[in-house]
């Protein structure tokens, strides 16, 4: 947290990946902190952040603690070829099309957890 200067570690990360997760998270968060103090781009999308992470060997994102299948929230289906797509995030079906046939997508199922 940039205001408090505290580093928060998701307990699930520690449970699954143990000490390695703590090392990776601390290194990642120190990159944010250092760049913030320097007045440089410290967000994930900023080039300064990407370059510093690469330089010091920090990962830009945490490893998921669950398999993709267990994290799926939406299942979409193409109206044309009937192919299904599993996604964690909701997509704009007015803009997104089927990658196979460019058909229109609909939400087939919203998985409630």
PDB file of N, CA and C in Angstrom:
ATOM      1  N   UNK A   1       0.851  -1.166   0.000  1.00  0.00           N
ATOM      2  CA  UNK A   1       0.000   0.000   0.000  1.00  0.00           C
ATOM      3  C   UNK A   1       0.901   1.235   0.000  1.00  0.00           C
ATOM      4  N   UNK A   2       0.728   2.072  -0.976  1.00  0.00           N
ATOM      5  CA  UNK A   2       1.631   3.209  -1.122  1.00  0.00           C
ATOM      6  C   UNK A   2       1.479   4.238  -0.014  1.00  0.00           C
ATOM      7  N   UNK A   3       0.279   4.409   0.518  1.00  0.00           N
ATOM      8  CA  UNK A   3       0.084   5.410   1.569  1.00  0.00           C
ATOM      9  C   UNK A   3       0.645   4.938   2.905  1.00  0.00           C
ATOM     10  N   UNK A   4       0.428   3.677   3.235  1.00  0.00           N
ATOM     11  CA  UNK A   4       0.872   3.165   4.533  1.00  0.00           C
ATOM     12  C   UNK A   4       2.272   2.567   4.475  1.00  0.00           C
ATOM     13  N   UNK A   5       2.743   2.265   3.286  1.00  0.00           N
ATOM     14  CA  UNK A   5       4.037   1.605   3.071  1.00  0.00           C
ATOM     15  C   UNK A   5       4.042   0.172   3.587  1.00  0.00           C
ATOM     16  N   UNK A   6       2.859  -0.382   3.818  1.00  0.00           N
ATOM     17  CA  UNK A   6       2.745  -1.780   4.226  1.00  0.00           C
ATOM     18  C   UNK A   6       2.668  -2.666   2.990  1.00  0.00           C
ATOM     19  N   UNK A   7       3.193  -3.860   3.106  1.00  0.00           N
ATOM     20  CA  UNK A   7       3.072  -4.846   2.038  1.00  0.00           C
ATOM     21  C   UNK A   7       2.085  -5.901   2.514  1.00  0.00           C
ATOM     22  N   UNK A   8       1.027  -6.093   1.738  1.00  0.00           N
ATOM     23  CA  UNK A   8       0.029  -7.094   2.088  1.00  0.00           C
ATOM     24  C   UNK A   8       0.265  -8.346   1.251  1.00  0.00           C
ATOM     25  N   UNK A   9       0.250  -9.483   1.913  1.00  0.00           N
ATOM     26  CA  UNK A   9       0.452 -10.755   1.227  1.00  0.00           C
ATOM     27  C   UNK A   9      -0.806 -11.594   1.401  1.00  0.00           C
ATOM     28  N   UNK A  10      -1.367 -12.010   0.289  1.00  0.00           N
ATOM     29  CA  UNK A  10      -2.556 -12.844   0.310  1.00  0.00           C
ATOM     30  C   UNK A  10      -2.201 -14.173   0.982  1.00  0.00           C
ATOM     31  N   UNK A  11      -2.910 -14.539   2.041  1.00  0.00           N
ATOM     32  CA  UNK A  11      -2.607 -15.799   2.734  1.00  0.00           C
ATOM     33  C   UNK A  11      -2.647 -17.022   1.816  1.00  0.00           C
ATOM     34  N   UNK A  12      -3.518 -16.990   0.805  1.00  0.00           N
ATOM     35  CA  UNK A  12      -3.584 -18.123  -0.133  1.00  0.00           C
ATOM     36  C   UNK A  12      -2.263 -18.295  -0.874  1.00  0.00           C
ATOM     37  N   UNK A  13      -1.611 -17.179  -1.209  1.00  0.00           N
ATOM     38  CA  UNK A  13      -0.321 -17.261  -1.896  1.00  0.00           C
ATOM     39  C   UNK A  13       0.690 -17.992  -1.017  1.00  0.00           C
ATOM     40  N   UNK A  14       0.701 -17.655   0.274  1.00  0.00           N
ATOM     41  CA  UNK A  14       1.638 -18.304   1.188  1.00  0.00           C
ATOM     42  C   UNK A  14       1.285 -19.785   1.368  1.00  0.00           C
ATOM     43  N   UNK A  15      -0.006 -20.075   1.504  1.00  0.00           N
ATOM     44  CA  UNK A  15      -0.430 -21.466   1.695  1.00  0.00           C
ATOM     45  C   UNK A  15      -0.017 -22.350   0.524  1.00  0.00           C
ATOM     46  N   UNK A  16      -0.133 -21.818  -0.675  1.00  0.00           N
ATOM     47  CA  UNK A  16       0.153 -22.625  -1.865  1.00  0.00           C
ATOM     48  C   UNK A  16       1.638 -22.629  -2.215  1.00  0.00           C
ATOM     49  N   UNK A  17       2.275 -21.450  -2.178  1.00  0.00           N
ATOM     50  CA  UNK A  17       3.650 -21.331  -2.687  1.00  0.00           C
ATOM     51  C   UNK A  17       4.710 -21.090  -1.613  1.00  0.00           C
ATOM     52  N   UNK A  18       4.283 -21.026  -0.357  1.00  0.00           N
ATOM     53  CA  UNK A  18       5.190 -20.914   0.799  1.00  0.00           C
ATOM     54  C   UNK A  18       6.130 -19.701   0.718  1.00  0.00           C
ATOM     55  N   UNK A  19       7.373 -19.885   1.182  1.00  0.00           N
ATOM     56  CA  UNK A  19       8.328 -18.773   1.276  1.00  0.00           C
ATOM     57  C   UNK A  19       8.656 -18.156  -0.078  1.00  0.00           C
ATOM     58  N   UNK A  20       8.626 -18.950  -1.122  1.00  0.00           N
ATOM     59  CA  UNK A  20       8.916 -18.427  -2.459  1.00  0.00           C
ATOM     60  C   UNK A  20       7.934 -17.319  -2.826  1.00  0.00           C
ATOM     61  N   UNK A  21       6.670 -17.487  -2.452  1.00  0.00           N
ATOM     62  CA  UNK A  21       5.657 -16.459  -2.741  1.00  0.00           C
ATOM     63  C   UNK A  21       5.989 -15.173  -2.006  1.00  0.00           C
ATOM     64  N   UNK A  22       6.397 -15.285  -0.752  1.00  0.00           N
ATOM     65  CA  UNK A  22       6.728 -14.094   0.034  1.00  0.00           C
ATOM     66  C   UNK A  22       7.891 -13.352  -0.620  1.00  0.00           C
ATOM     67  N   UNK A  23       8.928 -14.070  -1.017  1.00  0.00           N
ATOM     68  CA  UNK A  23      10.084 -13.435  -1.667  1.00  0.00           C
ATOM     69  C   UNK A  23       9.671 -12.727  -2.951  1.00  0.00           C
ATOM     70  N   UNK A  24       8.875 -13.399  -3.773  1.00  0.00           N
ATOM     71  CA  UNK A  24       8.452 -12.815  -5.049  1.00  0.00           C
ATOM     72  C   UNK A  24       7.552 -11.599  -4.844  1.00  0.00           C
ATOM     73  N   UNK A  25       6.645 -11.683  -3.891  1.00  0.00           N
ATOM     74  CA  UNK A  25       5.722 -10.570  -3.633  1.00  0.00           C
ATOM     75  C   UNK A  25       6.467  -9.368  -3.078  1.00  0.00           C
ATOM     76  N   UNK A  26       7.382  -9.586  -2.139  1.00  0.00           N
ATOM     77  CA  UNK A  26       8.142  -8.474  -1.560  1.00  0.00           C
ATOM     78  C   UNK A  26       8.972  -7.784  -2.641  1.00  0.00           C
ATOM     79  N   UNK A  27       9.637  -8.536  -3.484  1.00  0.00           N
ATOM     80  CA  UNK A  27      10.432  -7.948  -4.565  1.00  0.00           C
ATOM     81  C   UNK A  27       9.546  -7.136  -5.511  1.00  0.00           C
ATOM     82  N   UNK A  28       8.405  -7.678  -5.865  1.00  0.00           N
ATOM     83  CA  UNK A  28       7.446  -6.999  -6.738  1.00  0.00           C
ATOM     84  C   UNK A  28       6.974  -5.687  -6.098  1.00  0.00           C
ATOM     85  N   UNK A  29       6.593  -5.754  -4.837  1.00  0.00           N
ATOM     86  CA  UNK A  29       6.078  -4.565  -4.144  1.00  0.00           C
ATOM     87  C   UNK A  29       7.165  -3.512  -3.935  1.00  0.00           C
ATOM     88  N   UNK A  30       8.399  -3.948  -3.728  1.00  0.00           N
ATOM     89  CA  UNK A  30       9.500  -2.983  -3.599  1.00  0.00           C
ATOM     90  C   UNK A  30       9.731  -2.235  -4.909  1.00  0.00           C
ATOM     91  N   UNK A  31       9.475  -2.882  -6.023  1.00  0.00           N
ATOM     92  CA  UNK A  31       9.561  -2.192  -7.322  1.00  0.00           C
ATOM     93  C   UNK A  31       8.520  -1.078  -7.388  1.00  0.00           C
ATOM     94  N   UNK A  32       7.282  -1.382  -6.987  1.00  0.00           N
ATOM     95  CA  UNK A  32       6.238  -0.346  -6.943  1.00  0.00           C
ATOM     96  C   UNK A  32       6.686   0.817  -6.055  1.00  0.00           C
ATOM     97  N   UNK A  33       7.134   0.482  -4.871  1.00  0.00           N
ATOM     98  CA  UNK A  33       7.499   1.475  -3.857  1.00  0.00           C
ATOM     99  C   UNK A  33       8.648   2.363  -4.336  1.00  0.00           C
ATOM    100  N   UNK A  34       9.696   1.753  -4.848  1.00  0.00           N
ATOM    101  CA  UNK A  34      10.864   2.498  -5.318  1.00  0.00           C
ATOM    102  C   UNK A  34      10.473   3.484  -6.419  1.00  0.00           C
ATOM    103  N   UNK A  35       9.728   3.010  -7.404  1.00  0.00           N
ATOM    104  CA  UNK A  35       9.336   3.877  -8.516  1.00  0.00           C
ATOM    105  C   UNK A  35       8.399   4.988  -8.058  1.00  0.00           C
ATOM    106  N   UNK A  36       7.535   4.687  -7.106  1.00  0.00           N
ATOM    107  CA  UNK A  36       6.634   5.714  -6.570  1.00  0.00           C
ATOM    108  C   UNK A  36       7.435   6.820  -5.896  1.00  0.00           C
ATOM    109  N   UNK A  37       8.422   6.439  -5.102  1.00  0.00           N
ATOM    110  CA  UNK A  37       9.267   7.436  -4.425  1.00  0.00           C
ATOM    111  C   UNK A  37      10.076   8.262  -5.423  1.00  0.00           C
ATOM    112  N   UNK A  38      10.452   7.643  -6.542  1.00  0.00           N
ATOM    113  CA  UNK A  38      11.227   8.331  -7.579  1.00  0.00           C
ATOM    114  C   UNK A  38      10.355   9.200  -8.482  1.00  0.00           C
ATOM    115  N   UNK A  39       9.032   9.107  -8.306  1.00  0.00           N
ATOM    116  CA  UNK A  39       8.119   9.868  -9.152  1.00  0.00           C
ATOM    117  C   UNK A  39       8.003   9.300 -10.560  1.00  0.00           C
ATOM    118  N   UNK A  40       8.277   8.023 -10.691  1.00  0.00           N
ATOM    119  CA  UNK A  40       8.211   7.363 -12.001  1.00  0.00           C
ATOM    120  C   UNK A  40       6.966   6.480 -12.077  1.00  0.00           C
ATOM    121  N   UNK A  41       6.735   5.907 -13.250  1.00  0.00           N
ATOM    122  CA  UNK A  41       5.563   5.051 -13.449  1.00  0.00           C
ATOM    123  C   UNK A  41       5.661   3.771 -12.645  1.00  0.00           C
ATOM    124  N   UNK A  42       4.798   3.612 -11.660  1.00  0.00           N
ATOM    125  CA  UNK A  42       4.870   2.473 -10.742  1.00  0.00           C
ATOM    126  C   UNK A  42       3.721   1.481 -10.917  1.00  0.00           C
ATOM    127  N   UNK A  43       2.814   1.741 -11.837  1.00  0.00           N
ATOM    128  CA  UNK A  43       1.688   0.830 -12.035  1.00  0.00           C
ATOM    129  C   UNK A  43       2.077  -0.285 -13.008  1.00  0.00           C
ATOM    130  N   UNK A  44       1.333  -1.383 -12.954  1.00  0.00           N
ATOM    131  CA  UNK A  44       1.658  -2.557 -13.772  1.00  0.00           C
ATOM    132  C   UNK A  44       1.804  -2.232 -15.252  1.00  0.00           C
ATOM    133  N   UNK A  45       1.026  -1.292 -15.745  1.00  0.00           N
ATOM    134  CA  UNK A  45       1.045  -0.973 -17.182  1.00  0.00           C
ATOM    135  C   UNK A  45       2.178  -0.031 -17.575  1.00  0.00           C
ATOM    136  N   UNK A  46       2.850   0.584 -16.593  1.00  0.00           N
ATOM    137  CA  UNK A  46       3.885   1.583 -16.880  1.00  0.00           C
ATOM    138  C   UNK A  46       5.190   0.933 -17.330  1.00  0.00           C
ATOM    139  N   UNK A  47       5.821   1.561 -18.311  1.00  0.00           N
ATOM    140  CA  UNK A  47       7.077   1.048 -18.856  1.00  0.00           C
ATOM    141  C   UNK A  47       8.177   1.013 -17.792  1.00  0.00           C
ATOM    142  N   UNK A  48       8.231   2.041 -16.928  1.00  0.00           N
ATOM    143  CA  UNK A  48       9.238   2.060 -15.851  1.00  0.00           C
ATOM    144  C   UNK A  48       9.109   0.817 -14.975  1.00  0.00           C
ATOM    145  N   UNK A  49       7.872   0.473 -14.631  1.00  0.00           N
ATOM    146  CA  UNK A  49       7.634  -0.690 -13.782  1.00  0.00           C
ATOM    147  C   UNK A  49       8.047  -1.979 -14.497  1.00  0.00           C
ATOM    148  N   UNK A  50       7.663  -2.108 -15.745  1.00  0.00           N
ATOM    149  CA  UNK A  50       8.013  -3.305 -16.513  1.00  0.00           C
ATOM    150  C   UNK A  50       9.526  -3.472 -16.615  1.00  0.00           C
ATOM    151  N   UNK A  51      10.222  -2.369 -16.873  1.00  0.00           N
ATOM    152  CA  UNK A  51      11.683  -2.430 -17.024  1.00  0.00           C
ATOM    153  C   UNK A  51      12.372  -2.784 -15.712  1.00  0.00           C
ATOM    154  N   UNK A  52      11.926  -2.168 -14.605  1.00  0.00           N
ATOM    155  CA  UNK A  52      12.552  -2.459 -13.316  1.00  0.00           C
ATOM    156  C   UNK A  52      12.304  -3.911 -12.908  1.00  0.00           C
ATOM    157  N   UNK A  53      11.096  -4.394 -13.106  1.00  0.00           N
ATOM    158  CA  UNK A  53      10.808  -5.799 -12.782  1.00  0.00           C
ATOM    159  C   UNK A  53      11.732  -6.731 -13.557  1.00  0.00           C
ATOM    160  N   UNK A  54      11.913  -6.449 -14.825  1.00  0.00           N
ATOM    161  CA  UNK A  54      12.789  -7.279 -15.653  1.00  0.00           C
ATOM    162  C   UNK A  54      14.231  -7.201 -15.153  1.00  0.00           C
ATOM    163  N   UNK A  55      14.667  -5.997 -14.806  1.00  0.00           N
ATOM    164  CA  UNK A  55      16.052  -5.781 -14.364  1.00  0.00           C
ATOM    165  C   UNK A  55      16.372  -6.541 -13.077  1.00  0.00           C
ATOM    166  N   UNK A  56      15.432  -6.530 -12.117  1.00  0.00           N
ATOM    167  CA  UNK A  56      15.701  -7.155 -10.816  1.00  0.00           C
ATOM    168  C   UNK A  56      15.147  -8.577 -10.709  1.00  0.00           C
ATOM    169  N   UNK A  57      14.486  -9.043 -11.773  1.00  0.00           N
ATOM    170  CA  UNK A  57      13.953 -10.404 -11.760  1.00  0.00           C
ATOM    171  C   UNK A  57      12.657 -10.556 -10.990  1.00  0.00           C
ATOM    172  N   UNK A  58      11.900  -9.465 -10.865  1.00  0.00           N
ATOM    173  CA  UNK A  58      10.608  -9.528 -10.174  1.00  0.00           C
ATOM    174  C   UNK A  58       9.524  -9.954 -11.157  1.00  0.00           C
ATOM    175  N   UNK A  59       8.585 -10.723 -10.664  1.00  0.00           N
ATOM    176  CA  UNK A  59       7.455 -11.115 -11.503  1.00  0.00           C
ATOM    177  C   UNK A  59       6.445  -9.972 -11.523  1.00  0.00           C
ATOM    178  N   UNK A  60       5.825  -9.752 -12.679  1.00  0.00           N
ATOM    179  CA  UNK A  60       4.841  -8.672 -12.786  1.00  0.00           C
ATOM    180  C   UNK A  60       3.499  -9.059 -12.195  1.00  0.00           C
ATOM    181  N   UNK A  61       3.222 -10.354 -12.102  1.00  0.00           N
ATOM    182  CA  UNK A  61       1.941 -10.823 -11.574  1.00  0.00           C
ATOM    183  C   UNK A  61       2.182 -12.066 -10.724  1.00  0.00           C
ATOM    184  N   UNK A  62       1.303 -12.279  -9.751  1.00  0.00           N
ATOM    185  CA  UNK A  62       1.379 -13.484  -8.918  1.00  0.00           C
ATOM    186  C   UNK A  62       0.880 -14.688  -9.701  1.00  0.00           C
ATOM    187  N   UNK A  63       1.387 -15.837  -9.318  1.00  0.00           N
ATOM    188  CA  UNK A  63       0.870 -17.075  -9.894  1.00  0.00           C
ATOM    189  C   UNK A  63      -0.527 -17.317  -9.307  1.00  0.00           C
ATOM    190  N   UNK A  64      -1.462 -17.798 -10.100  1.00  0.00           N
ATOM    191  CA  UNK A  64      -2.795 -18.091  -9.563  1.00  0.00           C
ATOM    192  C   UNK A  64      -2.721 -19.206  -8.526  1.00  0.00           C
ATOM    193  N   UNK A  65      -3.582 -19.118  -7.534  1.00  0.00           N
ATOM    194  CA  UNK A  65      -3.617 -20.154  -6.499  1.00  0.00           C
ATOM    195  C   UNK A  65      -4.613 -21.255  -6.848  1.00  0.00           C
ATOM    196  N   UNK A  66      -5.387 -21.037  -7.914  1.00  0.00           N
ATOM    197  CA  UNK A  66      -6.355 -22.033  -8.367  1.00  0.00           C
ATOM    198  C   UNK A  66      -6.160 -22.269  -9.862  1.00  0.00           C
ATOM    199  N   UNK A  67      -6.573 -23.416 -10.323  1.00  0.00           N
ATOM    200  CA  UNK A  67      -6.536 -23.718 -11.751  1.00  0.00           C
ATOM    201  C   UNK A  67      -7.518 -22.809 -12.485  1.00  0.00           C
ATOM    202  N   UNK A  68      -7.244 -22.549 -13.751  1.00  0.00           N
ATOM    203  CA  UNK A  68      -8.109 -21.678 -14.557  1.00  0.00           C
ATOM    204  C   UNK A  68      -9.557 -22.164 -14.528  1.00  0.00           C
ATOM    205  N   UNK A  69      -9.749 -23.459 -14.684  1.00  0.00           N
ATOM    206  CA  UNK A  69     -11.106 -24.037 -14.704  1.00  0.00           C
ATOM    207  C   UNK A  69     -11.880 -23.699 -13.435  1.00  0.00           C
ATOM    208  N   UNK A  70     -11.187 -23.636 -12.303  1.00  0.00           N
ATOM    209  CA  UNK A  70     -11.841 -23.340 -11.031  1.00  0.00           C
ATOM    210  C   UNK A  70     -12.133 -21.855 -10.863  1.00  0.00           C
ATOM    211  N   UNK A  71     -11.519 -21.023 -11.704  1.00  0.00           N
ATOM    212  CA  UNK A  71     -11.697 -19.575 -11.603  1.00  0.00           C
ATOM    213  C   UNK A  71     -12.688 -19.023 -12.626  1.00  0.00           C
ATOM    214  N   UNK A  72     -13.147 -19.865 -13.546  1.00  0.00           N
ATOM    215  CA  UNK A  72     -14.049 -19.424 -14.617  1.00  0.00           C
ATOM    216  C   UNK A  72     -15.362 -18.912 -14.027  1.00  0.00           C
ATOM    217  N   UNK A  73     -15.776 -17.720 -14.485  1.00  0.00           N
ATOM    218  CA  UNK A  73     -17.035 -17.129 -14.041  1.00  0.00           C
ATOM    219  C   UNK A  73     -18.079 -17.041 -15.149  1.00  0.00           C
ATOM    220  N   UNK A  74     -17.622 -17.045 -16.384  1.00  0.00           N
ATOM    221  CA  UNK A  74     -18.539 -16.883 -17.516  1.00  0.00           C
ATOM    222  C   UNK A  74     -18.231 -17.910 -18.595  1.00  0.00           C
ATOM    223  N   UNK A  75     -19.288 -18.457 -19.170  1.00  0.00           N
ATOM    224  CA  UNK A  75     -19.144 -19.341 -20.320  1.00  0.00           C
ATOM    225  C   UNK A  75     -19.934 -18.712 -21.463  1.00  0.00           C
ATOM    226  N   UNK A  76     -19.221 -18.437 -22.551  1.00  0.00           N
ATOM    227  CA  UNK A  76     -19.820 -17.820 -23.734  1.00  0.00           C
ATOM    228  C   UNK A  76     -19.953 -18.866 -24.820  1.00  0.00           C
ATOM    229  N   UNK A  77     -20.926 -18.637 -25.709  1.00  0.00           N
ATOM    230  CA  UNK A  77     -21.083 -19.541 -26.838  1.00  0.00           C
ATOM    231  C   UNK A  77     -21.276 -18.733 -28.112  1.00  0.00           C
ATOM    232  N   UNK A  78     -20.674 -19.211 -29.173  1.00  0.00           N
ATOM    233  CA  UNK A  78     -20.841 -18.600 -30.487  1.00  0.00           C
ATOM    234  C   UNK A  78     -22.182 -19.056 -31.061  1.00  0.00           C
ATOM    235  N   UNK A  79     -22.980 -18.098 -31.512  1.00  0.00           N
ATOM    236  CA  UNK A  79     -24.276 -18.438 -32.095  1.00  0.00           C
ATOM    237  C   UNK A  79     -24.133 -19.145 -33.441  1.00  0.00           C
ATOM    238  N   UNK A  80     -23.008 -18.944 -34.098  1.00  0.00           N
ATOM    239  CA  UNK A  80     -22.807 -19.522 -35.427  1.00  0.00           C
ATOM    240  C   UNK A  80     -22.256 -20.952 -35.361  1.00  0.00           C
ATOM    241  N   UNK A  81     -21.068 -21.120 -34.779  1.00  0.00           N
ATOM    242  CA  UNK A  81     -20.416 -22.447 -34.789  1.00  0.00           C
ATOM    243  C   UNK A  81     -20.623 -23.233 -33.493  1.00  0.00           C
ATOM    244  N   UNK A  82     -21.252 -22.607 -32.503  1.00  0.00           N
ATOM    245  CA  UNK A  82     -21.590 -23.249 -31.211  1.00  0.00           C
ATOM    246  C   UNK A  82     -20.382 -23.522 -30.315  1.00  0.00           C
ATOM    247  N   UNK A  83     -19.216 -23.028 -30.671  1.00  0.00           N
ATOM    248  CA  UNK A  83     -18.027 -23.206 -29.829  1.00  0.00           C
ATOM    249  C   UNK A  83     -18.239 -22.457 -28.514  1.00  0.00           C
ATOM    250  N   UNK A  84     -17.732 -23.016 -27.405  1.00  0.00           N
ATOM    251  CA  UNK A  84     -17.847 -22.339 -26.109  1.00  0.00           C
ATOM    252  C   UNK A  84     -16.489 -21.797 -25.682  1.00  0.00           C
ATOM    253  N   UNK A  85     -16.541 -20.713 -24.917  1.00  0.00           N
ATOM    254  CA  UNK A  85     -15.350 -20.033 -24.415  1.00  0.00           C
ATOM    255  C   UNK A  85     -15.532 -19.800 -22.923  1.00  0.00           C
ATOM    256  N   UNK A  86     -14.553 -20.180 -22.133  1.00  0.00           N
ATOM    257  CA  UNK A  86     -14.594 -19.971 -20.686  1.00  0.00           C
ATOM    258  C   UNK A  86     -13.741 -18.765 -20.343  1.00  0.00           C
ATOM    259  N   UNK A  87     -14.297 -17.871 -19.548  1.00  0.00           N
ATOM    260  CA  UNK A  87     -13.582 -16.648 -19.188  1.00  0.00           C
ATOM    261  C   UNK A  87     -13.776 -16.335 -17.709  1.00  0.00           C
ATOM    262  N   UNK A  88     -12.760 -15.725 -17.123  1.00  0.00           N
ATOM    263  CA  UNK A  88     -12.840 -15.287 -15.738  1.00  0.00           C
ATOM    264  C   UNK A  88     -13.588 -13.959 -15.670  1.00  0.00           C
ATOM    265  N   UNK A  89     -13.282 -13.076 -16.598  1.00  0.00           N
ATOM    266  CA  UNK A  89     -13.915 -11.754 -16.627  1.00  0.00           C
ATOM    267  C   UNK A  89     -15.010 -11.693 -17.680  1.00  0.00           C
ATOM    268  N   UNK A  90     -15.959 -10.816 -17.422  1.00  0.00           N
ATOM    269  CA  UNK A  90     -17.035 -10.597 -18.378  1.00  0.00           C
ATOM    270  C   UNK A  90     -16.474  -9.851 -19.583  1.00  0.00           C
ATOM    271  N   UNK A  91     -16.896 -10.238 -20.778  1.00  0.00           N
ATOM    272  CA  UNK A  91     -16.445  -9.558 -21.989  1.00  0.00           C
ATOM    273  C   UNK A  91     -17.628  -8.842 -22.635  1.00  0.00           C
ATOM    274  N   UNK A  92     -17.318  -7.814 -23.407  1.00  0.00           N
ATOM    275  CA  UNK A  92     -18.339  -7.054 -24.111  1.00  0.00           C
ATOM    276  C   UNK A  92     -18.728  -7.832 -25.370  1.00  0.00           C
ATOM    277  N   UNK A  93     -19.904  -8.435 -25.342  1.00  0.00           N
ATOM    278  CA  UNK A  93     -20.327  -9.277 -26.464  1.00  0.00           C
ATOM    279  C   UNK A  93     -20.726  -8.454 -27.690  1.00  0.00           C
ATOM    280  N   UNK A  94     -20.841  -7.149 -27.542  1.00  0.00           N
ATOM    281  CA  UNK A  94     -21.100  -6.300 -28.710  1.00  0.00           C
ATOM    282  C   UNK A  94     -19.820  -6.110 -29.525  1.00  0.00           C
ATOM    283  N   UNK A  95     -18.673  -6.163 -28.840  1.00  0.00           N
ATOM    284  CA  UNK A  95     -17.383  -5.954 -29.506  1.00  0.00           C
ATOM    285  C   UNK A  95     -16.665  -7.264 -29.825  1.00  0.00           C
ATOM    286  N   UNK A  96     -16.719  -8.212 -28.913  1.00  0.00           N
ATOM    287  CA  UNK A  96     -15.981  -9.465 -29.075  1.00  0.00           C
ATOM    288  C   UNK A  96     -16.736 -10.423 -29.986  1.00  0.00           C
ATOM    289  N   UNK A  97     -15.976 -11.155 -30.789  1.00  0.00           N
ATOM    290  CA  UNK A  97     -16.540 -12.135 -31.713  1.00  0.00           C
ATOM    291  C   UNK A  97     -15.816 -13.461 -31.546  1.00  0.00           C
ATOM    292  N   UNK A  98     -16.381 -14.488 -32.090  1.00  0.00           N
ATOM    293  CA  UNK A  98     -15.773 -15.816 -32.063  1.00  0.00           C
ATOM    294  C   UNK A  98     -14.446 -15.776 -32.818  1.00  0.00           C
ATOM    295  N   UNK A  99     -13.409 -16.334 -32.226  1.00  0.00           N
ATOM    296  CA  UNK A  99     -12.102 -16.364 -32.868  1.00  0.00           C
ATOM    297  C   UNK A  99     -12.036 -17.323 -34.040  1.00  0.00           C
ATOM    298  N   UNK A 100     -12.923 -18.258 -34.083  1.00  0.00           N
ATOM    299  CA  UNK A 100     -12.924 -19.261 -35.156  1.00  0.00           C
ATOM    300  C   UNK A 100     -13.691 -18.773 -36.390  1.00  0.00           C
ATOM    301  N   UNK A 101     -14.929 -18.276 -36.180  1.00  0.00           N
ATOM    302  CA  UNK A 101     -15.773 -17.947 -37.341  1.00  0.00           C
ATOM    303  C   UNK A 101     -16.268 -16.502 -37.356  1.00  0.00           C
ATOM    304  N   UNK A 102     -15.877 -15.718 -36.341  1.00  0.00           N
ATOM    305  CA  UNK A 102     -16.293 -14.307 -36.213  1.00  0.00           C
ATOM    306  C   UNK A 102     -17.783 -14.155 -35.917  1.00  0.00           C
ATOM    307  N   UNK A 103     -18.420 -15.231 -35.442  1.00  0.00           N
ATOM    308  CA  UNK A 103     -19.841 -15.188 -35.091  1.00  0.00           C
ATOM    309  C   UNK A 103     -20.090 -14.406 -33.810  1.00  0.00           C
ATOM    310  N   UNK A 104     -21.339 -14.083 -33.559  1.00  0.00           N
ATOM    311  CA  UNK A 104     -21.750 -13.337 -32.372  1.00  0.00           C
ATOM    312  C   UNK A 104     -21.692 -14.248 -31.145  1.00  0.00           C
ATOM    313  N   UNK A 105     -21.245 -13.685 -30.018  1.00  0.00           N
ATOM    314  CA  UNK A 105     -21.168 -14.438 -28.767  1.00  0.00           C
ATOM    315  C   UNK A 105     -22.332 -14.083 -27.852  1.00  0.00           C
ATOM    316  N   UNK A 106     -22.774 -15.071 -27.092  1.00  0.00           N
ATOM    317  CA  UNK A 106     -23.772 -14.844 -26.049  1.00  0.00           C
ATOM    318  C   UNK A 106     -23.251 -15.476 -24.761  1.00  0.00           C
ATOM    319  N   UNK A 107     -23.749 -14.980 -23.631  1.00  0.00           N
ATOM    320  CA  UNK A 107     -23.412 -15.614 -22.353  1.00  0.00           C
ATOM    321  C   UNK A 107     -24.279 -16.861 -22.237  1.00  0.00           C
ATOM    322  N   UNK A 108     -23.634 -17.993 -22.198  1.00  0.00           N
ATOM    323  CA  UNK A 108     -24.352 -19.259 -22.051  1.00  0.00           C
ATOM    324  C   UNK A 108     -24.625 -19.526 -20.578  1.00  0.00           C
ATOM    325  N   UNK A 109     -23.633 -19.165 -19.739  1.00  0.00           N
ATOM    326  CA  UNK A 109     -23.771 -19.439 -18.310  1.00  0.00           C
ATOM    327  C   UNK A 109     -22.932 -18.459 -17.506  1.00  0.00           C
ATOM    328  N   UNK A 110     -23.501 -17.966 -16.394  1.00  0.00           N
ATOM    329  CA  UNK A 110     -22.755 -17.172 -15.419  1.00  0.00           C
ATOM    330  C   UNK A 110     -22.587 -18.065 -14.199  1.00  0.00           C
ATOM    331  N   UNK A 111     -21.376 -18.481 -13.934  1.00  0.00           N
ATOM    332  CA  UNK A 111     -21.084 -19.394 -12.834  1.00  0.00           C
ATOM    333  C   UNK A 111     -21.056 -18.595 -11.539  1.00  0.00           C
ATOM    334  N   UNK A 112     -21.932 -18.947 -10.613  1.00  0.00           N
ATOM    335  CA  UNK A 112     -21.986 -18.248  -9.322  1.00  0.00           C
ATOM    336  C   UNK A 112     -21.158 -19.014  -8.306  1.00  0.00           C
ATOM    337  N   UNK A 113     -20.279 -18.320  -7.638  1.00  0.00           N
ATOM    338  CA  UNK A 113     -19.411 -18.955  -6.630  1.00  0.00           C
ATOM    339  C   UNK A 113     -19.741 -18.448  -5.260  1.00  0.00           C
TER     340      UNK A 113
END
